[in-house]
Amino acid sequence: MLNSSNVLVQQYIMQINQNYKKDLLEVLVGIADLELMDAFLHDLLTPGEYSDIITRLQIVRQLDAKVPQREIAQNLGVSISKVTRGSRELLNVHGGFRKILDQHQTH
């Protein structure tokens, strides 16, 4: 059972995490150089995490281009469930993937 001091601690931690999140987002938005962004992400993420992000973007790009889900899974060597997750994310018209794809129609 949570008492009032535990709730206050959790709220404090959430606020700190939001501040750190904002800091990260501001750093990312401030990087205009592709080589610097690549180096930063390489340092920030494990190779697997970086590869997963790259793959997720390609999944939604291909979905947006109307490539069939099974073909995307085969093209990228991923499970159909990963592609389906990307498909669900694209259905969110207020989501980040949709907005980014609309902004960056050519790649």
C-alpha atoms as a PDB file:
ATOM      1  CA  MET A   1       0.000   0.000   0.000  1.00  0.00           C
ATOM      2  CA  LEU A   2       1.304   3.455  -0.868  1.00  0.00           C
ATOM      3  CA  ASN A   3       1.417   6.040   1.848  1.00  0.00           C
ATOM      4  CA  SER A   4       1.488   9.786   1.222  1.00  0.00           C
ATOM      5  CA  SER A   5       5.282  10.032   1.447  1.00  0.00           C
ATOM      6  CA  ASN A   6       5.695   7.263  -1.171  1.00  0.00           C
ATOM      7  CA  VAL A   7       3.295   9.088  -3.481  1.00  0.00           C
ATOM      8  CA  LEU A   8       5.263  12.320  -3.054  1.00  0.00           C
ATOM      9  CA  VAL A   9       8.519  10.511  -3.820  1.00  0.00           C
ATOM     10  CA  GLN A  10       7.009   8.976  -6.962  1.00  0.00           C
ATOM     11  CA  GLN A  11       5.711  12.378  -8.106  1.00  0.00           C
ATOM     12  CA  TYR A  12       9.138  13.903  -7.504  1.00  0.00           C
ATOM     13  CA  ILE A  13      10.841  11.146  -9.512  1.00  0.00           C
ATOM     14  CA  MET A  14       8.355  11.595 -12.363  1.00  0.00           C
ATOM     15  CA  GLN A  15       9.104  15.337 -12.433  1.00  0.00           C
ATOM     16  CA  ILE A  16      12.848  14.698 -12.528  1.00  0.00           C
ATOM     17  CA  ASN A  17      12.367  12.203 -15.369  1.00  0.00           C
ATOM     18  CA  GLN A  18      10.293  14.770 -17.301  1.00  0.00           C
ATOM     19  CA  ASN A  19      13.086  17.318 -16.874  1.00  0.00           C
ATOM     20  CA  TYR A  20      15.655  14.806 -18.131  1.00  0.00           C
ATOM     21  CA  LYS A  21      13.393  13.883 -21.040  1.00  0.00           C
ATOM     22  CA  LYS A  22      13.057  17.553 -21.972  1.00  0.00           C
ATOM     23  CA  ASP A  23      16.839  17.921 -21.788  1.00  0.00           C
ATOM     24  CA  LEU A  24      17.327  14.976 -24.163  1.00  0.00           C
ATOM     25  CA  LEU A  25      14.723  16.277 -26.604  1.00  0.00           C
ATOM     26  CA  GLU A  26      16.319  19.730 -26.633  1.00  0.00           C
ATOM     27  CA  VAL A  27      19.730  18.187 -27.348  1.00  0.00           C
ATOM     28  CA  LEU A  28      18.303  16.104 -30.215  1.00  0.00           C
ATOM     29  CA  VAL A  29      16.449  19.050 -31.741  1.00  0.00           C
ATOM     30  CA  GLY A  30      19.637  21.115 -31.582  1.00  0.00           C
ATOM     31  CA  ILE A  31      21.710  18.679 -33.653  1.00  0.00           C
ATOM     32  CA  ALA A  32      21.581  19.786 -37.284  1.00  0.00           C
ATOM     33  CA  ASP A  33      24.662  17.917 -38.518  1.00  0.00           C
ATOM     34  CA  LEU A  34      23.961  14.332 -39.693  1.00  0.00           C
ATOM     35  CA  GLU A  35      27.431  13.054 -38.795  1.00  0.00           C
ATOM     36  CA  LEU A  36      27.182  14.524 -35.294  1.00  0.00           C
ATOM     37  CA  MET A  37      23.696  13.031 -34.861  1.00  0.00           C
ATOM     38  CA  ASP A  38      24.984   9.633 -35.957  1.00  0.00           C
ATOM     39  CA  ALA A  39      27.922   9.850 -33.535  1.00  0.00           C
ATOM     40  CA  PHE A  40      25.654  10.973 -30.687  1.00  0.00           C
ATOM     41  CA  LEU A  41      23.124   8.190 -31.268  1.00  0.00           C
ATOM     42  CA  HIS A  42      25.947   5.670 -31.612  1.00  0.00           C
ATOM     43  CA  ASP A  43      27.251   6.746 -28.197  1.00  0.00           C
ATOM     44  CA  LEU A  44      23.807   6.997 -26.599  1.00  0.00           C
ATOM     45  CA  LEU A  45      22.343   3.684 -27.767  1.00  0.00           C
ATOM     46  CA  THR A  46      23.548   0.121 -27.951  1.00  0.00           C
ATOM     47  CA  PRO A  47      24.095  -1.166 -31.506  1.00  0.00           C
ATOM     48  CA  GLY A  48      20.908  -3.228 -31.157  1.00  0.00           C
ATOM     49  CA  GLU A  49      18.837  -0.242 -30.000  1.00  0.00           C
ATOM     50  CA  TYR A  50      20.159   1.909 -32.861  1.00  0.00           C
ATOM     51  CA  SER A  51      19.429  -0.854 -35.367  1.00  0.00           C
ATOM     52  CA  ASP A  52      15.895  -1.283 -33.964  1.00  0.00           C
ATOM     53  CA  ILE A  53      15.155   2.434 -34.372  1.00  0.00           C
ATOM     54  CA  ILE A  54      16.426   2.380 -37.948  1.00  0.00           C
ATOM     55  CA  THR A  55      14.299  -0.669 -38.721  1.00  0.00           C
ATOM     56  CA  ARG A  56      11.149   0.805 -37.124  1.00  0.00           C
ATOM     57  CA  LEU A  57      11.420   3.886 -39.303  1.00  0.00           C
ATOM     58  CA  GLN A  58      11.823   1.736 -42.413  1.00  0.00           C
ATOM     59  CA  ILE A  59       8.789  -0.331 -41.389  1.00  0.00           C
ATOM     60  CA  VAL A  60       6.549   2.728 -41.198  1.00  0.00           C
ATOM     61  CA  ARG A  61       8.015   4.206 -44.400  1.00  0.00           C
ATOM     62  CA  GLN A  62       7.203   1.007 -46.274  1.00  0.00           C
ATOM     63  CA  LEU A  63       3.755   0.793 -44.692  1.00  0.00           C
ATOM     64  CA  ASP A  64       3.124   4.379 -45.754  1.00  0.00           C
ATOM     65  CA  ALA A  65       4.192   3.399 -49.301  1.00  0.00           C
ATOM     66  CA  LYS A  66       1.512   0.657 -49.190  1.00  0.00           C
ATOM     67  CA  VAL A  67       3.975  -2.243 -49.229  1.00  0.00           C
ATOM     68  CA  PRO A  68       2.184  -5.373 -47.924  1.00  0.00           C
ATOM     69  CA  GLN A  69       3.021  -6.260 -44.320  1.00  0.00           C
ATOM     70  CA  ARG A  70       4.363  -9.730 -45.130  1.00  0.00           C
ATOM     71  CA  GLU A  71       6.626  -8.258 -47.786  1.00  0.00           C
ATOM     72  CA  ILE A  72       7.936  -5.662 -45.315  1.00  0.00           C
ATOM     73  CA  ALA A  73       8.659  -8.396 -42.770  1.00  0.00           C
ATOM     74  CA  GLN A  74      10.574 -10.328 -45.420  1.00  0.00           C
ATOM     75  CA  ASN A  75      12.406  -7.233 -46.763  1.00  0.00           C
ATOM     76  CA  LEU A  76      13.619  -6.190 -43.316  1.00  0.00           C
ATOM     77  CA  GLY A  77      14.009  -9.598 -41.699  1.00  0.00           C
ATOM     78  CA  VAL A  78      11.541  -8.829 -38.900  1.00  0.00           C
ATOM     79  CA  SER A  79       8.496 -10.566 -37.497  1.00  0.00           C
ATOM     80  CA  ILE A  80       5.052  -9.756 -38.806  1.00  0.00           C
ATOM     81  CA  SER A  81       4.133  -8.622 -35.277  1.00  0.00           C
ATOM     82  CA  LYS A  82       6.731  -5.826 -35.474  1.00  0.00           C
ATOM     83  CA  VAL A  83       5.245  -4.693 -38.765  1.00  0.00           C
ATOM     84  CA  THR A  84       1.727  -4.870 -37.327  1.00  0.00           C
ATOM     85  CA  ARG A  85       2.819  -2.702 -34.400  1.00  0.00           C
ATOM     86  CA  GLY A  86       4.110  -0.122 -36.865  1.00  0.00           C
ATOM     87  CA  SER A  87       0.815  -0.294 -38.715  1.00  0.00           C
ATOM     88  CA  ARG A  88      -1.090   0.441 -35.504  1.00  0.00           C
ATOM     89  CA  GLU A  89       1.202   3.390 -34.766  1.00  0.00           C
ATOM     90  CA  LEU A  90       0.468   4.857 -38.213  1.00  0.00           C
ATOM     91  CA  LEU A  91      -3.262   4.764 -37.490  1.00  0.00           C
ATOM     92  CA  ASN A  92      -2.727   7.376 -34.775  1.00  0.00           C
ATOM     93  CA  VAL A  93      -3.168  10.604 -36.756  1.00  0.00           C
ATOM     94  CA  HIS A  94      -1.751  12.569 -33.819  1.00  0.00           C
ATOM     95  CA  GLY A  95       1.267  10.310 -33.426  1.00  0.00           C
ATOM     96  CA  GLY A  96       4.855  11.143 -34.206  1.00  0.00           C
ATOM     97  CA  PHE A  97       5.309   8.658 -37.040  1.00  0.00           C
ATOM     98  CA  ARG A  98       2.431  10.104 -39.026  1.00  0.00           C
ATOM     99  CA  LYS A  99       3.637  13.674 -38.516  1.00  0.00           C
ATOM    100  CA  ILE A 100       7.220  12.840 -39.448  1.00  0.00           C
ATOM    101  CA  LEU A 101       6.183  10.946 -42.562  1.00  0.00           C
ATOM    102  CA  ASP A 102       3.979  13.849 -43.634  1.00  0.00           C
ATOM    103  CA  GLN A 103       6.891  16.286 -43.133  1.00  0.00           C
ATOM    104  CA  HIS A 104       9.459  14.081 -44.889  1.00  0.00           C
ATOM    105  CA  GLN A 105       7.650  12.651 -47.880  1.00  0.00           C
ATOM    106  CA  THR A 106      10.918  12.149 -49.738  1.00  0.00           C
ATOM    107  CA  HIS A 107      13.842  10.330 -48.201  1.00  0.00           C
END
